[in-house]
Amino acid sequence: MAAAGGAAAGGAAAANGGPSDQRAMLLQRMRRQSVHHLRRDLASAEAEVRAAAAQTVGSRGIQLVDELIPLLSDTDPGVRQEAHQALVRLGRGVDFGPESLLASADEIHEASLLWHDWWQQNKDRQGISEDTPKQADERIAEQKLRQAEQLLLGGREDAAQRRLRELVAEFPRTAAAERAHTYLTP
């Protein structure tokens, strides 16, 4: 997988730093990834990539609940923990477990079923929608464009230009990227 391979290569580049430095670099890179790449990273062969993707999905509020639920039974405890925490964040405090990293297979299975049932019953009722990758990218790009516009209004031209260039690089095929080009100075 390209995204997972890229993330692993980035970790190797940070070999001089400790594991926490490598994790920080991986998370920083994940924050800039599209929903499509995060979805792919949730299925990576590398546990560290799956864990970082789950953490990123939760912190960015990306509704990949159907992809997170199977990670509750992942072979790696770190992945299980990050998937659980992401689900709790996305569920706005709802918590069906599993209660601990030492949960039995039956407890994990029960928690997965409860999360699945909750998601099927509440995804529309709570204003949570399961965006397509394109919709999620459009939504995130729009948020970044609004942030850049606020920076411009605040007189922070350099910061706004940086934000606009990042938007265009991260989300080139969005309507927000097209509008961002009108603000960019050559």
C-alpha atoms as a PDB file:
ATOM      1  CA  MET A   1       0.000   0.000   0.000  1.00  0.00           C
ATOM      2  CA  ALA A   2       1.379   3.333  -0.998  1.00  0.00           C
ATOM      3  CA  ALA A   3       0.236   5.262   2.049  1.00  0.00           C
ATOM      4  CA  ALA A   4       1.413   2.636   4.475  1.00  0.00           C
ATOM      5  CA  GLY A   5       4.713   2.250   2.668  1.00  0.00           C
ATOM      6  CA  GLY A   6       5.201   6.009   2.670  1.00  0.00           C
ATOM      7  CA  ALA A   7       4.449   6.162   6.372  1.00  0.00           C
ATOM      8  CA  ALA A   8       6.911   3.373   7.107  1.00  0.00           C
ATOM      9  CA  ALA A   9       9.602   5.059   5.034  1.00  0.00           C
ATOM     10  CA  GLY A  10       9.022   8.264   6.960  1.00  0.00           C
ATOM     11  CA  GLY A  11       9.459   6.334  10.192  1.00  0.00           C
ATOM     12  CA  ALA A  12      12.785   4.992   8.927  1.00  0.00           C
ATOM     13  CA  ALA A  13      13.880   8.545   8.178  1.00  0.00           C
ATOM     14  CA  ALA A  14      13.301   9.344  11.830  1.00  0.00           C
ATOM     15  CA  ALA A  15      15.437   6.406  12.960  1.00  0.00           C
ATOM     16  CA  ASN A  16      17.672   8.756  14.898  1.00  0.00           C
ATOM     17  CA  GLY A  17      14.695   9.803  17.021  1.00  0.00           C
ATOM     18  CA  GLY A  18      12.992   7.556  19.506  1.00  0.00           C
ATOM     19  CA  PRO A  19       9.709   5.736  18.981  1.00  0.00           C
ATOM     20  CA  SER A  20       7.740   8.745  20.208  1.00  0.00           C
ATOM     21  CA  ASP A  21       9.480  10.949  17.596  1.00  0.00           C
ATOM     22  CA  GLN A  22       8.623   8.437  14.890  1.00  0.00           C
ATOM     23  CA  ARG A  23       5.031   8.248  16.099  1.00  0.00           C
ATOM     24  CA  ALA A  24       4.765  12.063  16.117  1.00  0.00           C
ATOM     25  CA  MET A  25       6.068  12.255  12.538  1.00  0.00           C
ATOM     26  CA  LEU A  26       3.661   9.535  11.444  1.00  0.00           C
ATOM     27  CA  LEU A  27       0.715  11.305  13.076  1.00  0.00           C
ATOM     28  CA  GLN A  28       1.735  14.631  11.544  1.00  0.00           C
ATOM     29  CA  ARG A  29       1.809  13.034   8.098  1.00  0.00           C
ATOM     30  CA  MET A  30      -1.543  11.315   8.714  1.00  0.00           C
ATOM     31  CA  ARG A  31      -3.208  14.633   9.615  1.00  0.00           C
ATOM     32  CA  ARG A  32      -2.627  15.793   6.042  1.00  0.00           C
ATOM     33  CA  GLN A  33      -3.927  12.651   4.359  1.00  0.00           C
ATOM     34  CA  SER A  34      -7.171  12.392   2.474  1.00  0.00           C
ATOM     35  CA  VAL A  35      -9.998  10.229   3.768  1.00  0.00           C
ATOM     36  CA  HIS A  36      -9.238   7.741   1.002  1.00  0.00           C
ATOM     37  CA  HIS A  37      -5.668   7.292   2.250  1.00  0.00           C
ATOM     38  CA  LEU A  38      -6.753   7.075   5.885  1.00  0.00           C
ATOM     39  CA  ARG A  39      -9.261   4.375   4.987  1.00  0.00           C
ATOM     40  CA  ARG A  40      -6.459   2.474   3.279  1.00  0.00           C
ATOM     41  CA  ASP A  41      -4.128   2.987   6.251  1.00  0.00           C
ATOM     42  CA  LEU A  42      -6.725   1.559   8.637  1.00  0.00           C
ATOM     43  CA  ALA A  43      -6.233  -1.719   6.733  1.00  0.00           C
ATOM     44  CA  SER A  44      -2.413  -1.505   6.604  1.00  0.00           C
ATOM     45  CA  ALA A  45      -0.291  -4.561   7.343  1.00  0.00           C
ATOM     46  CA  GLU A  46       1.676  -2.426   9.838  1.00  0.00           C
ATOM     47  CA  ALA A  47       0.122  -2.101  13.293  1.00  0.00           C
ATOM     48  CA  GLU A  48       1.705   1.308  13.926  1.00  0.00           C
ATOM     49  CA  VAL A  49       0.138   2.662  10.732  1.00  0.00           C
ATOM     50  CA  ARG A  50      -3.299   1.233  11.643  1.00  0.00           C
ATOM     51  CA  ALA A  51      -3.057   2.746  15.151  1.00  0.00           C
ATOM     52  CA  ALA A  52      -1.990   6.165  13.847  1.00  0.00           C
ATOM     53  CA  ALA A  53      -4.757   6.120  11.234  1.00  0.00           C
ATOM     54  CA  ALA A  54      -7.366   5.276  13.889  1.00  0.00           C
ATOM     55  CA  GLN A  55      -6.108   8.089  16.117  1.00  0.00           C
ATOM     56  CA  THR A  56      -6.194  10.531  13.193  1.00  0.00           C
ATOM     57  CA  VAL A  57      -9.693   9.498  12.135  1.00  0.00           C
ATOM     58  CA  GLY A  58     -10.935  10.105  15.680  1.00  0.00           C
ATOM     59  CA  SER A  59      -9.159  13.422  16.156  1.00  0.00           C
ATOM     60  CA  ARG A  60     -10.291  14.755  12.758  1.00  0.00           C
ATOM     61  CA  GLY A  61     -13.850  13.534  13.298  1.00  0.00           C
ATOM     62  CA  ILE A  62     -13.922  11.501  10.106  1.00  0.00           C
ATOM     63  CA  GLN A  63     -16.844   9.094  10.131  1.00  0.00           C
ATOM     64  CA  LEU A  64     -15.081   5.852   9.218  1.00  0.00           C
ATOM     65  CA  VAL A  65     -16.963   3.963  11.923  1.00  0.00           C
ATOM     66  CA  ASP A  66     -17.492   0.861   9.768  1.00  0.00           C
ATOM     67  CA  GLU A  67     -13.716   0.645   9.288  1.00  0.00           C
ATOM     68  CA  LEU A  68     -12.919   1.260  12.978  1.00  0.00           C
ATOM     69  CA  ILE A  69     -15.235  -1.370  14.469  1.00  0.00           C
ATOM     70  CA  PRO A  70     -13.271  -4.379  13.110  1.00  0.00           C
ATOM     71  CA  LEU A  71     -10.090  -2.875  14.601  1.00  0.00           C
ATOM     72  CA  LEU A  72     -11.541  -3.471  18.079  1.00  0.00           C
ATOM     73  CA  SER A  73     -10.483  -7.105  17.583  1.00  0.00           C
ATOM     74  CA  ASP A  74      -7.098  -6.328  16.014  1.00  0.00           C
ATOM     75  CA  THR A  75      -4.182  -8.530  17.061  1.00  0.00           C
ATOM     76  CA  ASP A  76      -2.250  -5.456  18.249  1.00  0.00           C
ATOM     77  CA  PRO A  77      -3.385  -3.961  21.584  1.00  0.00           C
ATOM     78  CA  GLY A  78      -2.323  -0.449  20.530  1.00  0.00           C
ATOM     79  CA  VAL A  79      -4.538  -0.627  17.464  1.00  0.00           C
ATOM     80  CA  ARG A  80      -7.461  -1.887  19.578  1.00  0.00           C
ATOM     81  CA  GLN A  81      -6.978   0.980  22.033  1.00  0.00           C
ATOM     82  CA  GLU A  82      -6.782   3.685  19.335  1.00  0.00           C
ATOM     83  CA  ALA A  83      -9.839   2.263  17.523  1.00  0.00           C
ATOM     84  CA  HIS A  84     -11.821   2.259  20.783  1.00  0.00           C
ATOM     85  CA  GLN A  85     -10.788   5.829  21.624  1.00  0.00           C
ATOM     86  CA  ALA A  86     -11.653   6.997  18.094  1.00  0.00           C
ATOM     87  CA  LEU A  87     -15.092   5.415  18.330  1.00  0.00           C
ATOM     88  CA  VAL A  88     -15.743   7.102  21.676  1.00  0.00           C
ATOM     89  CA  ARG A  89     -14.719  10.474  20.172  1.00  0.00           C
ATOM     90  CA  LEU A  90     -16.868   9.945  17.101  1.00  0.00           C
ATOM     91  CA  GLY A  91     -19.742   8.772  19.294  1.00  0.00           C
ATOM     92  CA  ARG A  92     -19.469  11.943  21.361  1.00  0.00           C
ATOM     93  CA  GLY A  93     -18.811  10.072  24.586  1.00  0.00           C
ATOM     94  CA  VAL A  94     -20.843   6.936  23.920  1.00  0.00           C
ATOM     95  CA  ASP A  95     -18.751   3.954  25.035  1.00  0.00           C
ATOM     96  CA  PHE A  96     -19.617   0.311  24.420  1.00  0.00           C
ATOM     97  CA  GLY A  97     -16.102  -0.903  25.223  1.00  0.00           C
ATOM     98  CA  PRO A  98     -14.290  -3.130  25.246  1.00  0.00           C
ATOM     99  CA  GLU A  99     -13.472  -2.164  28.801  1.00  0.00           C
ATOM    100  CA  SER A 100      -9.746  -2.924  28.713  1.00  0.00           C
ATOM    101  CA  LEU A 101      -6.891  -4.095  26.543  1.00  0.00           C
ATOM    102  CA  LEU A 102      -7.129  -7.402  28.403  1.00  0.00           C
ATOM    103  CA  ALA A 103     -10.748  -8.002  27.379  1.00  0.00           C
ATOM    104  CA  SER A 104     -11.608 -11.542  26.335  1.00  0.00           C
ATOM    105  CA  ALA A 105     -12.494 -12.437  22.766  1.00  0.00           C
ATOM    106  CA  ASP A 106     -16.144 -12.700  23.832  1.00  0.00           C
ATOM    107  CA  GLU A 107     -16.072  -9.223  25.414  1.00  0.00           C
ATOM    108  CA  ILE A 108     -14.469  -7.766  22.287  1.00  0.00           C
ATOM    109  CA  HIS A 109     -17.041  -9.479  20.071  1.00  0.00           C
ATOM    110  CA  GLU A 110     -19.903  -8.186  22.236  1.00  0.00           C
ATOM    111  CA  ALA A 111     -18.487  -4.634  22.158  1.00  0.00           C
ATOM    112  CA  SER A 112     -18.123  -4.809  18.364  1.00  0.00           C
ATOM    113  CA  LEU A 113     -21.756  -5.871  17.993  1.00  0.00           C
ATOM    114  CA  LEU A 114     -22.929  -3.071  20.285  1.00  0.00           C
ATOM    115  CA  TRP A 115     -20.890  -0.474  18.369  1.00  0.00           C
ATOM    116  CA  HIS A 116     -22.239  -1.797  15.059  1.00  0.00           C
ATOM    117  CA  ASP A 117     -25.856  -1.709  16.266  1.00  0.00           C
ATOM    118  CA  TRP A 118     -25.414   1.784  17.705  1.00  0.00           C
ATOM    119  CA  TRP A 119     -23.901   3.067  14.465  1.00  0.00           C
ATOM    120  CA  GLN A 120     -26.699   1.596  12.333  1.00  0.00           C
ATOM    121  CA  GLN A 121     -29.354   3.163  14.591  1.00  0.00           C
ATOM    122  CA  ASN A 122     -27.784   6.569  15.191  1.00  0.00           C
ATOM    123  CA  LYS A 123     -25.625   7.681  12.302  1.00  0.00           C
ATOM    124  CA  ASP A 124     -28.401   9.770  10.762  1.00  0.00           C
ATOM    125  CA  ARG A 125     -30.298  10.687  13.918  1.00  0.00           C
ATOM    126  CA  GLN A 126     -27.318  12.353  15.603  1.00  0.00           C
ATOM    127  CA  GLY A 127     -26.406  14.471  12.627  1.00  0.00           C
ATOM    128  CA  ILE A 128     -23.528  12.137  11.866  1.00  0.00           C
ATOM    129  CA  SER A 129     -23.384  11.194   8.241  1.00  0.00           C
ATOM    130  CA  GLU A 130     -21.173   8.702   6.572  1.00  0.00           C
ATOM    131  CA  ASP A 131     -19.481  10.914   4.004  1.00  0.00           C
ATOM    132  CA  THR A 132     -18.043   9.475   0.874  1.00  0.00           C
ATOM    133  CA  PRO A 133     -14.300  10.140   0.640  1.00  0.00           C
ATOM    134  CA  LYS A 134     -14.982  12.930  -1.879  1.00  0.00           C
ATOM    135  CA  GLN A 135     -17.574  14.562   0.416  1.00  0.00           C
ATOM    136  CA  ALA A 136     -15.260  14.379   3.414  1.00  0.00           C
ATOM    137  CA  ASP A 137     -12.389  15.883   1.423  1.00  0.00           C
ATOM    138  CA  GLU A 138     -14.684  18.684   0.211  1.00  0.00           C
ATOM    139  CA  ARG A 139     -15.815  19.371   3.795  1.00  0.00           C
ATOM    140  CA  ILE A 140     -12.260  19.455   5.162  1.00  0.00           C
ATOM    141  CA  ALA A 141     -11.048  21.597   2.248  1.00  0.00           C
ATOM    142  CA  GLU A 142     -13.884  24.074   2.878  1.00  0.00           C
ATOM    143  CA  GLN A 143     -12.858  24.310   6.540  1.00  0.00           C
ATOM    144  CA  LYS A 144      -9.267  25.011   5.537  1.00  0.00           C
ATOM    145  CA  LEU A 145     -10.394  27.661   3.063  1.00  0.00           C
ATOM    146  CA  ARG A 146     -12.464  29.394   5.778  1.00  0.00           C
ATOM    147  CA  GLN A 147      -9.431  29.315   8.093  1.00  0.00           C
ATOM    148  CA  ALA A 148      -7.288  30.911   5.384  1.00  0.00           C
ATOM    149  CA  GLU A 149      -9.928  33.571   4.796  1.00  0.00           C
ATOM    150  CA  GLN A 150      -9.947  34.352   8.527  1.00  0.00           C
ATOM    151  CA  LEU A 151      -6.167  34.707   8.444  1.00  0.00           C
ATOM    152  CA  LEU A 152      -6.489  37.125   5.523  1.00  0.00           C
ATOM    153  CA  LEU A 153      -9.094  39.158   7.369  1.00  0.00           C
ATOM    154  CA  GLY A 154      -6.762  39.266  10.374  1.00  0.00           C
ATOM    155  CA  GLY A 155      -3.954  40.668   8.218  1.00  0.00           C
ATOM    156  CA  ARG A 156      -1.859  37.491   8.377  1.00  0.00           C
ATOM    157  CA  GLU A 157      -1.119  37.277   4.653  1.00  0.00           C
ATOM    158  CA  ASP A 158       1.903  34.939   4.909  1.00  0.00           C
ATOM    159  CA  ALA A 159       0.060  32.430   7.113  1.00  0.00           C
ATOM    160  CA  ALA A 160      -2.981  32.584   4.830  1.00  0.00           C
ATOM    161  CA  GLN A 161      -0.846  31.951   1.738  1.00  0.00           C
ATOM    162  CA  ARG A 162       0.763  28.926   3.429  1.00  0.00           C
ATOM    163  CA  ARG A 163      -2.647  27.548   4.398  1.00  0.00           C
ATOM    164  CA  LEU A 164      -3.964  28.066   0.868  1.00  0.00           C
ATOM    165  CA  ARG A 165      -0.951  26.309  -0.695  1.00  0.00           C
ATOM    166  CA  GLU A 166      -1.437  23.381   1.731  1.00  0.00           C
ATOM    167  CA  LEU A 167      -5.126  23.202   0.811  1.00  0.00           C
ATOM    168  CA  VAL A 168      -4.371  23.104  -2.915  1.00  0.00           C
ATOM    169  CA  ALA A 169      -1.666  20.448  -2.405  1.00  0.00           C
ATOM    170  CA  GLU A 170      -3.789  18.235  -0.117  1.00  0.00           C
ATOM    171  CA  PHE A 171      -7.142  18.577  -1.881  1.00  0.00           C
ATOM    172  CA  PRO A 172      -6.383  19.554  -5.495  1.00  0.00           C
ATOM    173  CA  ARG A 173      -9.656  18.314  -6.990  1.00  0.00           C
ATOM    174  CA  THR A 174     -12.032  20.185  -4.705  1.00  0.00           C
ATOM    175  CA  ALA A 175     -14.132  23.275  -5.253  1.00  0.00           C
ATOM    176  CA  ALA A 176     -12.339  24.905  -2.315  1.00  0.00           C
ATOM    177  CA  ALA A 177      -8.977  24.373  -4.028  1.00  0.00           C
ATOM    178  CA  GLU A 178     -10.290  26.071  -7.144  1.00  0.00           C
ATOM    179  CA  ARG A 179     -11.403  29.067  -5.076  1.00  0.00           C
ATOM    180  CA  ALA A 180      -8.106  29.043  -3.174  1.00  0.00           C
ATOM    181  CA  HIS A 181      -6.274  29.723  -6.440  1.00  0.00           C
ATOM    182  CA  THR A 182      -8.016  33.110  -6.617  1.00  0.00           C
ATOM    183  CA  TYR A 183      -6.400  34.111  -3.316  1.00  0.00           C
ATOM    184  CA  LEU A 184      -2.912  32.789  -4.060  1.00  0.00           C
ATOM    185  CA  THR A 185      -0.331  35.329  -5.074  1.00  0.00           C
ATOM    186  CA  PRO A 186       2.257  34.281  -7.659  1.00  0.00           C
END
